[in-house]
Amino acid sequence: MGKNLTLEDALKRIEELEKENAELREELERYKNRKMSGRQKHNAKWMAIYNDFVVGYESGMTLEEIAKRNNVSQRTIYRYKAYYDKIKENEK
């Protein structure tokens, strides 16, 4: 029927678990507070440039012109175009 635990053993185990829990909370806090790196897709800045891309693209501007106007790389503009094409395809 399992181990026979004494009250002292149980209190020791609770203390160990509380210590471990505190350490894990500290680690979680570090992860919450760290700065996220890399591309932040669909945040306010991304959406603003994307919406400007849509206006320029639908008005007939070239991708290079849009990239220069928004001061972003051509690769970024191609990402916007891929997203735009995907959205348009889903609308059909």
PDB file of N, CA and C in Angstrom:
ATOM      1  N   MET A   1       0.811  -1.194   0.000  1.00  0.00           N
ATOM      2  CA  MET A   1       0.000   0.000   0.000  1.00  0.00           C
ATOM      3  C   MET A   1       0.853   1.256   0.000  1.00  0.00           C
ATOM      4  N   GLY A   2       1.998   1.270  -0.541  1.00  0.00           N
ATOM      5  CA  GLY A   2       2.818   2.459  -0.628  1.00  0.00           C
ATOM      6  C   GLY A   2       3.655   2.680   0.611  1.00  0.00           C
ATOM      7  N   LYS A   3       4.326   3.835   0.625  1.00  0.00           N
ATOM      8  CA  LYS A   3       5.209   4.191   1.722  1.00  0.00           C
ATOM      9  C   LYS A   3       4.433   4.734   2.911  1.00  0.00           C
ATOM     10  N   ASN A   4       4.905   4.443   4.075  1.00  0.00           N
ATOM     11  CA  ASN A   4       4.353   5.062   5.280  1.00  0.00           C
ATOM     12  C   ASN A   4       5.140   6.341   5.526  1.00  0.00           C
ATOM     13  N   LEU A   5       4.467   7.467   5.444  1.00  0.00           N
ATOM     14  CA  LEU A   5       5.124   8.749   5.644  1.00  0.00           C
ATOM     15  C   LEU A   5       4.814   9.272   7.034  1.00  0.00           C
ATOM     16  N   THR A   6       5.843   9.799   7.628  1.00  0.00           N
ATOM     17  CA  THR A   6       5.619  10.445   8.919  1.00  0.00           C
ATOM     18  C   THR A   6       5.303  11.901   8.667  1.00  0.00           C
ATOM     19  N   LEU A   7       4.821  12.573   9.668  1.00  0.00           N
ATOM     20  CA  LEU A   7       4.499  13.994   9.550  1.00  0.00           C
ATOM     21  C   LEU A   7       5.759  14.786   9.226  1.00  0.00           C
ATOM     22  N   GLU A   8       6.881  14.401   9.816  1.00  0.00           N
ATOM     23  CA  GLU A   8       8.145  15.087   9.562  1.00  0.00           C
ATOM     24  C   GLU A   8       8.570  14.946   8.104  1.00  0.00           C
ATOM     25  N   ASP A   9       8.423  13.728   7.556  1.00  0.00           N
ATOM     26  CA  ASP A   9       8.761  13.502   6.149  1.00  0.00           C
ATOM     27  C   ASP A   9       7.881  14.345   5.237  1.00  0.00           C
ATOM     28  N   ALA A  10       6.608  14.381   5.556  1.00  0.00           N
ATOM     29  CA  ALA A  10       5.673  15.159   4.739  1.00  0.00           C
ATOM     30  C   ALA A  10       6.009  16.641   4.796  1.00  0.00           C
ATOM     31  N   LEU A  11       6.345  17.158   5.978  1.00  0.00           N
ATOM     32  CA  LEU A  11       6.699  18.574   6.114  1.00  0.00           C
ATOM     33  C   LEU A  11       7.992  18.896   5.376  1.00  0.00           C
ATOM     34  N   LYS A  12       8.956  17.962   5.400  1.00  0.00           N
ATOM     35  CA  LYS A  12      10.202  18.148   4.650  1.00  0.00           C
ATOM     36  C   LYS A  12       9.922  18.219   3.152  1.00  0.00           C
ATOM     37  N   ARG A  13       9.080  17.320   2.685  1.00  0.00           N
ATOM     38  CA  ARG A  13       8.743  17.279   1.255  1.00  0.00           C
ATOM     39  C   ARG A  13       8.014  18.554   0.844  1.00  0.00           C
ATOM     40  N   ILE A  14       7.121  19.039   1.678  1.00  0.00           N
ATOM     41  CA  ILE A  14       6.405  20.288   1.388  1.00  0.00           C
ATOM     42  C   ILE A  14       7.393  21.446   1.292  1.00  0.00           C
ATOM     43  N   GLU A  15       8.353  21.481   2.199  1.00  0.00           N
ATOM     44  CA  GLU A  15       9.367  22.540   2.181  1.00  0.00           C
ATOM     45  C   GLU A  15      10.189  22.481   0.895  1.00  0.00           C
ATOM     46  N   GLU A  16      10.587  21.266   0.485  1.00  0.00           N
ATOM     47  CA  GLU A  16      11.334  21.101  -0.766  1.00  0.00           C
ATOM     48  C   GLU A  16      10.518  21.583  -1.963  1.00  0.00           C
ATOM     49  N   LEU A  17       9.252  21.207  -1.990  1.00  0.00           N
ATOM     50  CA  LEU A  17       8.391  21.600  -3.109  1.00  0.00           C
ATOM     51  C   LEU A  17       8.153  23.106  -3.140  1.00  0.00           C
ATOM     52  N   GLU A  18       8.017  23.728  -1.979  1.00  0.00           N
ATOM     53  CA  GLU A  18       7.847  25.178  -1.928  1.00  0.00           C
ATOM     54  C   GLU A  18       9.093  25.891  -2.438  1.00  0.00           C
ATOM     55  N   LYS A  19      10.274  25.355  -2.086  1.00  0.00           N
ATOM     56  CA  LYS A  19      11.525  25.939  -2.571  1.00  0.00           C
ATOM     57  C   LYS A  19      11.617  25.803  -4.091  1.00  0.00           C
ATOM     58  N   GLU A  20      11.304  24.616  -4.590  1.00  0.00           N
ATOM     59  CA  GLU A  20      11.328  24.389  -6.041  1.00  0.00           C
ATOM     60  C   GLU A  20      10.328  25.308  -6.747  1.00  0.00           C
ATOM     61  N   ASN A  21       9.155  25.466  -6.159  1.00  0.00           N
ATOM     62  CA  ASN A  21       8.127  26.331  -6.732  1.00  0.00           C
ATOM     63  C   ASN A  21       8.618  27.780  -6.811  1.00  0.00           C
ATOM     64  N   ALA A  22       9.293  28.249  -5.764  1.00  0.00           N
ATOM     65  CA  ALA A  22       9.824  29.613  -5.750  1.00  0.00           C
ATOM     66  C   ALA A  22      10.862  29.797  -6.858  1.00  0.00           C
ATOM     67  N   GLU A  23      11.747  28.800  -7.032  1.00  0.00           N
ATOM     68  CA  GLU A  23      12.753  28.867  -8.093  1.00  0.00           C
ATOM     69  C   GLU A  23      12.103  28.914  -9.471  1.00  0.00           C
ATOM     70  N   LEU A  24      11.076  28.109  -9.664  1.00  0.00           N
ATOM     71  CA  LEU A  24      10.384  28.087 -10.955  1.00  0.00           C
ATOM     72  C   LEU A  24       9.654  29.403 -11.214  1.00  0.00           C
ATOM     73  N   ARG A  25       9.108  30.013 -10.178  1.00  0.00           N
ATOM     74  CA  ARG A  25       8.453  31.318 -10.337  1.00  0.00           C
ATOM     75  C   ARG A  25       9.462  32.381 -10.765  1.00  0.00           C
ATOM     76  N   GLU A  26      10.665  32.351 -10.168  1.00  0.00           N
ATOM     77  CA  GLU A  26      11.717  33.288 -10.559  1.00  0.00           C
ATOM     78  C   GLU A  26      12.097  33.086 -12.025  1.00  0.00           C
ATOM     79  N   GLU A  27      12.246  31.836 -12.427  1.00  0.00           N
ATOM     80  CA  GLU A  27      12.593  31.540 -13.819  1.00  0.00           C
ATOM     81  C   GLU A  27      11.493  32.020 -14.767  1.00  0.00           C
ATOM     82  N   LEU A  28      10.250  31.785 -14.391  1.00  0.00           N
ATOM     83  CA  LEU A  28       9.122  32.240 -15.201  1.00  0.00           C
ATOM     84  C   LEU A  28       9.129  33.758 -15.335  1.00  0.00           C
ATOM     85  N   GLU A  29       9.434  34.459 -14.260  1.00  0.00           N
ATOM     86  CA  GLU A  29       9.482  35.919 -14.284  1.00  0.00           C
ATOM     87  C   GLU A  29      10.567  36.405 -15.239  1.00  0.00           C
ATOM     88  N   ARG A  30      11.718  35.711 -15.240  1.00  0.00           N
ATOM     89  CA  ARG A  30      12.796  36.081 -16.185  1.00  0.00           C
ATOM     90  C   ARG A  30      12.321  35.925 -17.620  1.00  0.00           C
ATOM     91  N   TYR A  31      11.598  34.849 -17.912  1.00  0.00           N
ATOM     92  CA  TYR A  31      11.106  34.639 -19.273  1.00  0.00           C
ATOM     93  C   TYR A  31      10.058  35.676 -19.646  1.00  0.00           C
ATOM     94  N   LYS A  32       9.212  36.043 -18.708  1.00  0.00           N
ATOM     95  CA  LYS A  32       8.184  37.044 -18.992  1.00  0.00           C
ATOM     96  C   LYS A  32       8.792  38.403 -19.282  1.00  0.00           C
ATOM     97  N   ASN A  33       9.893  38.736 -18.609  1.00  0.00           N
ATOM     98  CA  ASN A  33      10.487  40.067 -18.722  1.00  0.00           C
ATOM     99  C   ASN A  33      11.523  40.193 -19.832  1.00  0.00           C
ATOM    100  N   ARG A  34      11.883  39.112 -20.461  1.00  0.00           N
ATOM    101  CA  ARG A  34      12.916  39.217 -21.488  1.00  0.00           C
ATOM    102  C   ARG A  34      12.355  39.887 -22.738  1.00  0.00           C
ATOM    103  N   LYS A  35      13.237  40.506 -23.459  1.00  0.00           N
ATOM    104  CA  LYS A  35      12.848  41.173 -24.694  1.00  0.00           C
ATOM    105  C   LYS A  35      12.758  40.135 -25.795  1.00  0.00           C
ATOM    106  N   MET A  36      11.671  40.168 -26.494  1.00  0.00           N
ATOM    107  CA  MET A  36      11.494  39.233 -27.588  1.00  0.00           C
ATOM    108  C   MET A  36      12.311  39.719 -28.785  1.00  0.00           C
ATOM    109  N   SER A  37      13.034  38.820 -29.389  1.00  0.00           N
ATOM    110  CA  SER A  37      13.836  39.191 -30.541  1.00  0.00           C
ATOM    111  C   SER A  37      13.197  38.631 -31.800  1.00  0.00           C
ATOM    112  N   GLY A  38      13.690  39.092 -32.903  1.00  0.00           N
ATOM    113  CA  GLY A  38      13.173  38.608 -34.171  1.00  0.00           C
ATOM    114  C   GLY A  38      11.996  39.426 -34.660  1.00  0.00           C
ATOM    115  N   ARG A  39      11.399  38.952 -35.689  1.00  0.00           N
ATOM    116  CA  ARG A  39      10.302  39.656 -36.342  1.00  0.00           C
ATOM    117  C   ARG A  39       9.054  39.603 -35.470  1.00  0.00           C
ATOM    118  N   GLN A  40       8.452  40.759 -35.222  1.00  0.00           N
ATOM    119  CA  GLN A  40       7.224  40.835 -34.446  1.00  0.00           C
ATOM    120  C   GLN A  40       6.060  40.962 -35.427  1.00  0.00           C
ATOM    121  N   LYS A  41       5.535  39.849 -35.839  1.00  0.00           N
ATOM    122  CA  LYS A  41       4.516  39.866 -36.867  1.00  0.00           C
ATOM    123  C   LYS A  41       3.178  40.326 -36.320  1.00  0.00           C
ATOM    124  N   HIS A  42       2.533  41.181 -37.054  1.00  0.00           N
ATOM    125  CA  HIS A  42       1.180  41.663 -36.783  1.00  0.00           C
ATOM    126  C   HIS A  42       1.076  42.554 -35.553  1.00  0.00           C
ATOM    127  N   ASN A  43       2.156  43.200 -35.155  1.00  0.00           N
ATOM    128  CA  ASN A  43       2.011  44.208 -34.131  1.00  0.00           C
ATOM    129  C   ASN A  43       1.599  45.509 -34.822  1.00  0.00           C
ATOM    130  N   ALA A  44       1.450  46.585 -34.071  1.00  0.00           N
ATOM    131  CA  ALA A  44       0.917  47.833 -34.628  1.00  0.00           C
ATOM    132  C   ALA A  44       1.799  48.375 -35.751  1.00  0.00           C
ATOM    133  N   LYS A  45       3.111  48.359 -35.550  1.00  0.00           N
ATOM    134  CA  LYS A  45       4.021  48.875 -36.577  1.00  0.00           C
ATOM    135  C   LYS A  45       3.927  48.032 -37.855  1.00  0.00           C
ATOM    136  N   TRP A  46       3.898  46.709 -37.688  1.00  0.00           N
ATOM    137  CA  TRP A  46       3.810  45.806 -38.839  1.00  0.00           C
ATOM    138  C   TRP A  46       2.541  46.083 -39.619  1.00  0.00           C
ATOM    139  N   MET A  47       1.418  46.208 -38.900  1.00  0.00           N
ATOM    140  CA  MET A  47       0.137  46.434 -39.563  1.00  0.00           C
ATOM    141  C   MET A  47       0.101  47.789 -40.267  1.00  0.00           C
ATOM    142  N   ALA A  48       0.719  48.803 -39.679  1.00  0.00           N
ATOM    143  CA  ALA A  48       0.733  50.133 -40.304  1.00  0.00           C
ATOM    144  C   ALA A  48       1.479  50.079 -41.641  1.00  0.00           C
ATOM    145  N   ILE A  49       2.638  49.447 -41.645  1.00  0.00           N
ATOM    146  CA  ILE A  49       3.408  49.351 -42.891  1.00  0.00           C
ATOM    147  C   ILE A  49       2.686  48.442 -43.879  1.00  0.00           C
ATOM    148  N   TYR A  50       2.084  47.360 -43.393  1.00  0.00           N
ATOM    149  CA  TYR A  50       1.352  46.463 -44.285  1.00  0.00           C
ATOM    150  C   TYR A  50       0.178  47.193 -44.937  1.00  0.00           C
ATOM    151  N   ASN A  51      -0.577  47.946 -44.147  1.00  0.00           N
ATOM    152  CA  ASN A  51      -1.716  48.682 -44.708  1.00  0.00           C
ATOM    153  C   ASN A  51      -1.255  49.709 -45.732  1.00  0.00           C
ATOM    154  N   ASP A  52      -0.112  50.359 -45.485  1.00  0.00           N
ATOM    155  CA  ASP A  52       0.449  51.289 -46.460  1.00  0.00           C
ATOM    156  C   ASP A  52       0.874  50.537 -47.716  1.00  0.00           C
ATOM    157  N   PHE A  53       1.419  49.322 -47.527  1.00  0.00           N
ATOM    158  CA  PHE A  53       1.783  48.480 -48.672  1.00  0.00           C
ATOM    159  C   PHE A  53       0.551  48.192 -49.529  1.00  0.00           C
ATOM    160  N   VAL A  54      -0.549  47.821 -48.885  1.00  0.00           N
ATOM    161  CA  VAL A  54      -1.777  47.483 -49.615  1.00  0.00           C
ATOM    162  C   VAL A  54      -2.246  48.679 -50.436  1.00  0.00           C
ATOM    163  N   VAL A  55      -2.248  49.852 -49.832  1.00  0.00           N
ATOM    164  CA  VAL A  55      -2.681  51.062 -50.548  1.00  0.00           C
ATOM    165  C   VAL A  55      -1.789  51.298 -51.759  1.00  0.00           C
ATOM    166  N   GLY A  56      -0.465  51.227 -51.555  1.00  0.00           N
ATOM    167  CA  GLY A  56       0.466  51.453 -52.660  1.00  0.00           C
ATOM    168  C   GLY A  56       0.364  50.380 -53.729  1.00  0.00           C
ATOM    169  N   TYR A  57       0.263  49.126 -53.321  1.00  0.00           N
ATOM    170  CA  TYR A  57       0.208  48.015 -54.267  1.00  0.00           C
ATOM    171  C   TYR A  57      -1.058  48.068 -55.111  1.00  0.00           C
ATOM    172  N   GLU A  58      -2.177  48.356 -54.461  1.00  0.00           N
ATOM    173  CA  GLU A  58      -3.445  48.416 -55.198  1.00  0.00           C
ATOM    174  C   GLU A  58      -3.550  49.659 -56.077  1.00  0.00           C
ATOM    175  N   SER A  59      -2.734  50.678 -55.791  1.00  0.00           N
ATOM    176  CA  SER A  59      -2.747  51.870 -56.641  1.00  0.00           C
ATOM    177  C   SER A  59      -1.763  51.748 -57.802  1.00  0.00           C
ATOM    178  N   GLY A  60      -1.013  50.625 -57.870  1.00  0.00           N
ATOM    179  CA  GLY A  60      -0.142  50.368 -59.008  1.00  0.00           C
ATOM    180  C   GLY A  60       1.326  50.668 -58.790  1.00  0.00           C
ATOM    181  N   MET A  61       1.724  50.984 -57.584  1.00  0.00           N
ATOM    182  CA  MET A  61       3.146  51.227 -57.320  1.00  0.00           C
ATOM    183  C   MET A  61       3.920  49.913 -57.437  1.00  0.00           C
ATOM    184  N   THR A  62       5.193  50.016 -57.781  1.00  0.00           N
ATOM    185  CA  THR A  62       6.025  48.816 -57.830  1.00  0.00           C
ATOM    186  C   THR A  62       6.449  48.458 -56.407  1.00  0.00           C
ATOM    187  N   LEU A  63       6.878  47.220 -56.249  1.00  0.00           N
ATOM    188  CA  LEU A  63       7.315  46.767 -54.933  1.00  0.00           C
ATOM    189  C   LEU A  63       8.544  47.549 -54.463  1.00  0.00           C
ATOM    190  N   GLU A  64       9.432  47.886 -55.389  1.00  0.00           N
ATOM    191  CA  GLU A  64      10.628  48.655 -55.037  1.00  0.00           C
ATOM    192  C   GLU A  64      10.259  50.041 -54.537  1.00  0.00           C
ATOM    193  N   GLU A  65       9.301  50.679 -55.198  1.00  0.00           N
ATOM    194  CA  GLU A  65       8.861  52.012 -54.762  1.00  0.00           C
ATOM    195  C   GLU A  65       8.259  51.966 -53.356  1.00  0.00           C
ATOM    196  N   ILE A  66       7.469  50.946 -53.101  1.00  0.00           N
ATOM    197  CA  ILE A  66       6.842  50.806 -51.791  1.00  0.00           C
ATOM    198  C   ILE A  66       7.915  50.579 -50.723  1.00  0.00           C
ATOM    199  N   ALA A  67       8.926  49.767 -51.038  1.00  0.00           N
ATOM    200  CA  ALA A  67      10.009  49.494 -50.085  1.00  0.00           C
ATOM    201  C   ALA A  67      10.758  50.777 -49.737  1.00  0.00           C
ATOM    202  N   LYS A  68      11.060  51.575 -50.753  1.00  0.00           N
ATOM    203  CA  LYS A  68      11.767  52.832 -50.511  1.00  0.00           C
ATOM    204  C   LYS A  68      10.914  53.797 -49.704  1.00  0.00           C
ATOM    205  N   ARG A  69       9.639  53.890 -50.034  1.00  0.00           N
ATOM    206  CA  ARG A  69       8.745  54.820 -49.348  1.00  0.00           C
ATOM    207  C   ARG A  69       8.611  54.482 -47.866  1.00  0.00           C
ATOM    208  N   ASN A  70       8.558  53.186 -47.551  1.00  0.00           N
ATOM    209  CA  ASN A  70       8.386  52.766 -46.162  1.00  0.00           C
ATOM    210  C   ASN A  70       9.707  52.513 -45.447  1.00  0.00           C
ATOM    211  N   ASN A  71      10.805  52.666 -46.170  1.00  0.00           N
ATOM    212  CA  ASN A  71      12.134  52.460 -45.608  1.00  0.00           C
ATOM    213  C   ASN A  71      12.281  51.050 -45.018  1.00  0.00           C
ATOM    214  N   VAL A  72      11.870  50.048 -45.790  1.00  0.00           N
ATOM    215  CA  VAL A  72      12.027  48.647 -45.401  1.00  0.00           C
ATOM    216  C   VAL A  72      12.712  47.906 -46.542  1.00  0.00           C
ATOM    217  N   SER A  73      13.192  46.718 -46.258  1.00  0.00           N
ATOM    218  CA  SER A  73      13.887  45.935 -47.278  1.00  0.00           C
ATOM    219  C   SER A  73      12.896  45.377 -48.296  1.00  0.00           C
ATOM    220  N   GLN A  74      13.440  45.019 -49.445  1.00  0.00           N
ATOM    221  CA  GLN A  74      12.584  44.405 -50.459  1.00  0.00           C
ATOM    222  C   GLN A  74      12.081  43.049 -49.978  1.00  0.00           C
ATOM    223  N   ARG A  75      12.874  42.345 -49.186  1.00  0.00           N
ATOM    224  CA  ARG A  75      12.441  41.053 -48.650  1.00  0.00           C
ATOM    225  C   ARG A  75      11.204  41.226 -47.768  1.00  0.00           C
ATOM    226  N   THR A  76      11.184  42.299 -47.004  1.00  0.00           N
ATOM    227  CA  THR A  76      10.019  42.583 -46.166  1.00  0.00           C
ATOM    228  C   THR A  76       8.795  42.841 -47.033  1.00  0.00           C
ATOM    229  N   ILE A  77       8.982  43.581 -48.111  1.00  0.00           N
ATOM    230  CA  ILE A  77       7.866  43.859 -49.015  1.00  0.00           C
ATOM    231  C   ILE A  77       7.355  42.561 -49.641  1.00  0.00           C
ATOM    232  N   TYR A  78       8.260  41.652 -49.974  1.00  0.00           N
ATOM    233  CA  TYR A  78       7.814  40.363 -50.518  1.00  0.00           C
ATOM    234  C   TYR A  78       7.042  39.550 -49.470  1.00  0.00           C
ATOM    235  N   ARG A  79       7.418  39.690 -48.202  1.00  0.00           N
ATOM    236  CA  ARG A  79       6.639  39.035 -47.139  1.00  0.00           C
ATOM    237  C   ARG A  79       5.229  39.623 -47.092  1.00  0.00           C
ATOM    238  N   TYR A  80       5.154  40.957 -47.191  1.00  0.00           N
ATOM    239  CA  TYR A  80       3.839  41.605 -47.202  1.00  0.00           C
ATOM    240  C   TYR A  80       3.017  41.146 -48.407  1.00  0.00           C
ATOM    241  N   LYS A  81       3.671  41.032 -49.560  1.00  0.00           N
ATOM    242  CA  LYS A  81       2.943  40.603 -50.754  1.00  0.00           C
ATOM    243  C   LYS A  81       2.442  39.168 -50.600  1.00  0.00           C
ATOM    244  N   ALA A  82       3.258  38.295 -50.017  1.00  0.00           N
ATOM    245  CA  ALA A  82       2.832  36.910 -49.799  1.00  0.00           C
ATOM    246  C   ALA A  82       1.632  36.876 -48.857  1.00  0.00           C
ATOM    247  N   TYR A  83       1.671  37.692 -47.817  1.00  0.00           N
ATOM    248  CA  TYR A  83       0.553  37.759 -46.874  1.00  0.00           C
ATOM    249  C   TYR A  83      -0.685  38.316 -47.580  1.00  0.00           C
ATOM    250  N   TYR A  84      -0.489  39.347 -48.396  1.00  0.00           N
ATOM    251  CA  TYR A  84      -1.574  39.959 -49.161  1.00  0.00           C
ATOM    252  C   TYR A  84      -2.218  38.929 -50.100  1.00  0.00           C
ATOM    253  N   ASP A  85      -1.374  38.179 -50.822  1.00  0.00           N
ATOM    254  CA  ASP A  85      -1.894  37.163 -51.740  1.00  0.00           C
ATOM    255  C   ASP A  85      -2.684  36.082 -50.990  1.00  0.00           C
ATOM    256  N   LYS A  86      -2.166  35.701 -49.825  1.00  0.00           N
ATOM    257  CA  LYS A  86      -2.845  34.681 -49.020  1.00  0.00           C
ATOM    258  C   LYS A  86      -4.207  35.180 -48.556  1.00  0.00           C
ATOM    259  N   ILE A  87      -4.279  36.425 -48.120  1.00  0.00           N
ATOM    260  CA  ILE A  87      -5.546  37.017 -47.670  1.00  0.00           C
ATOM    261  C   ILE A  87      -6.529  37.092 -48.841  1.00  0.00           C
ATOM    262  N   LYS A  88      -6.065  37.545 -49.975  1.00  0.00           N
ATOM    263  CA  LYS A  88      -6.945  37.665 -51.157  1.00  0.00           C
ATOM    264  C   LYS A  88      -7.452  36.295 -51.608  1.00  0.00           C
ATOM    265  N   GLU A  89      -6.595  35.288 -51.519  1.00  0.00           N
ATOM    266  CA  GLU A  89      -7.001  33.941 -51.912  1.00  0.00           C
ATOM    267  C   GLU A  89      -8.075  33.396 -50.964  1.00  0.00           C
ATOM    268  N   ASN A  90      -7.920  33.681 -49.681  1.00  0.00           N
ATOM    269  CA  ASN A  90      -8.914  33.228 -48.696  1.00  0.00           C
ATOM    270  C   ASN A  90     -10.241  33.947 -48.856  1.00  0.00           C
ATOM    271  N   GLU A  91     -10.225  35.162 -49.387  1.00  0.00           N
ATOM    272  CA  GLU A  91     -11.469  35.918 -49.589  1.00  0.00           C
ATOM    273  C   GLU A  91     -12.314  35.338 -50.722  1.00  0.00           C
ATOM    274  N   LYS A  92     -11.660  34.647 -51.645  1.00  0.00           N
ATOM    275  CA  LYS A  92     -12.376  34.091 -52.797  1.00  0.00           C
ATOM    276  C   LYS A  92     -13.202  32.901 -52.446  1.00  0.00           C
TER     277      LYS A  92
END
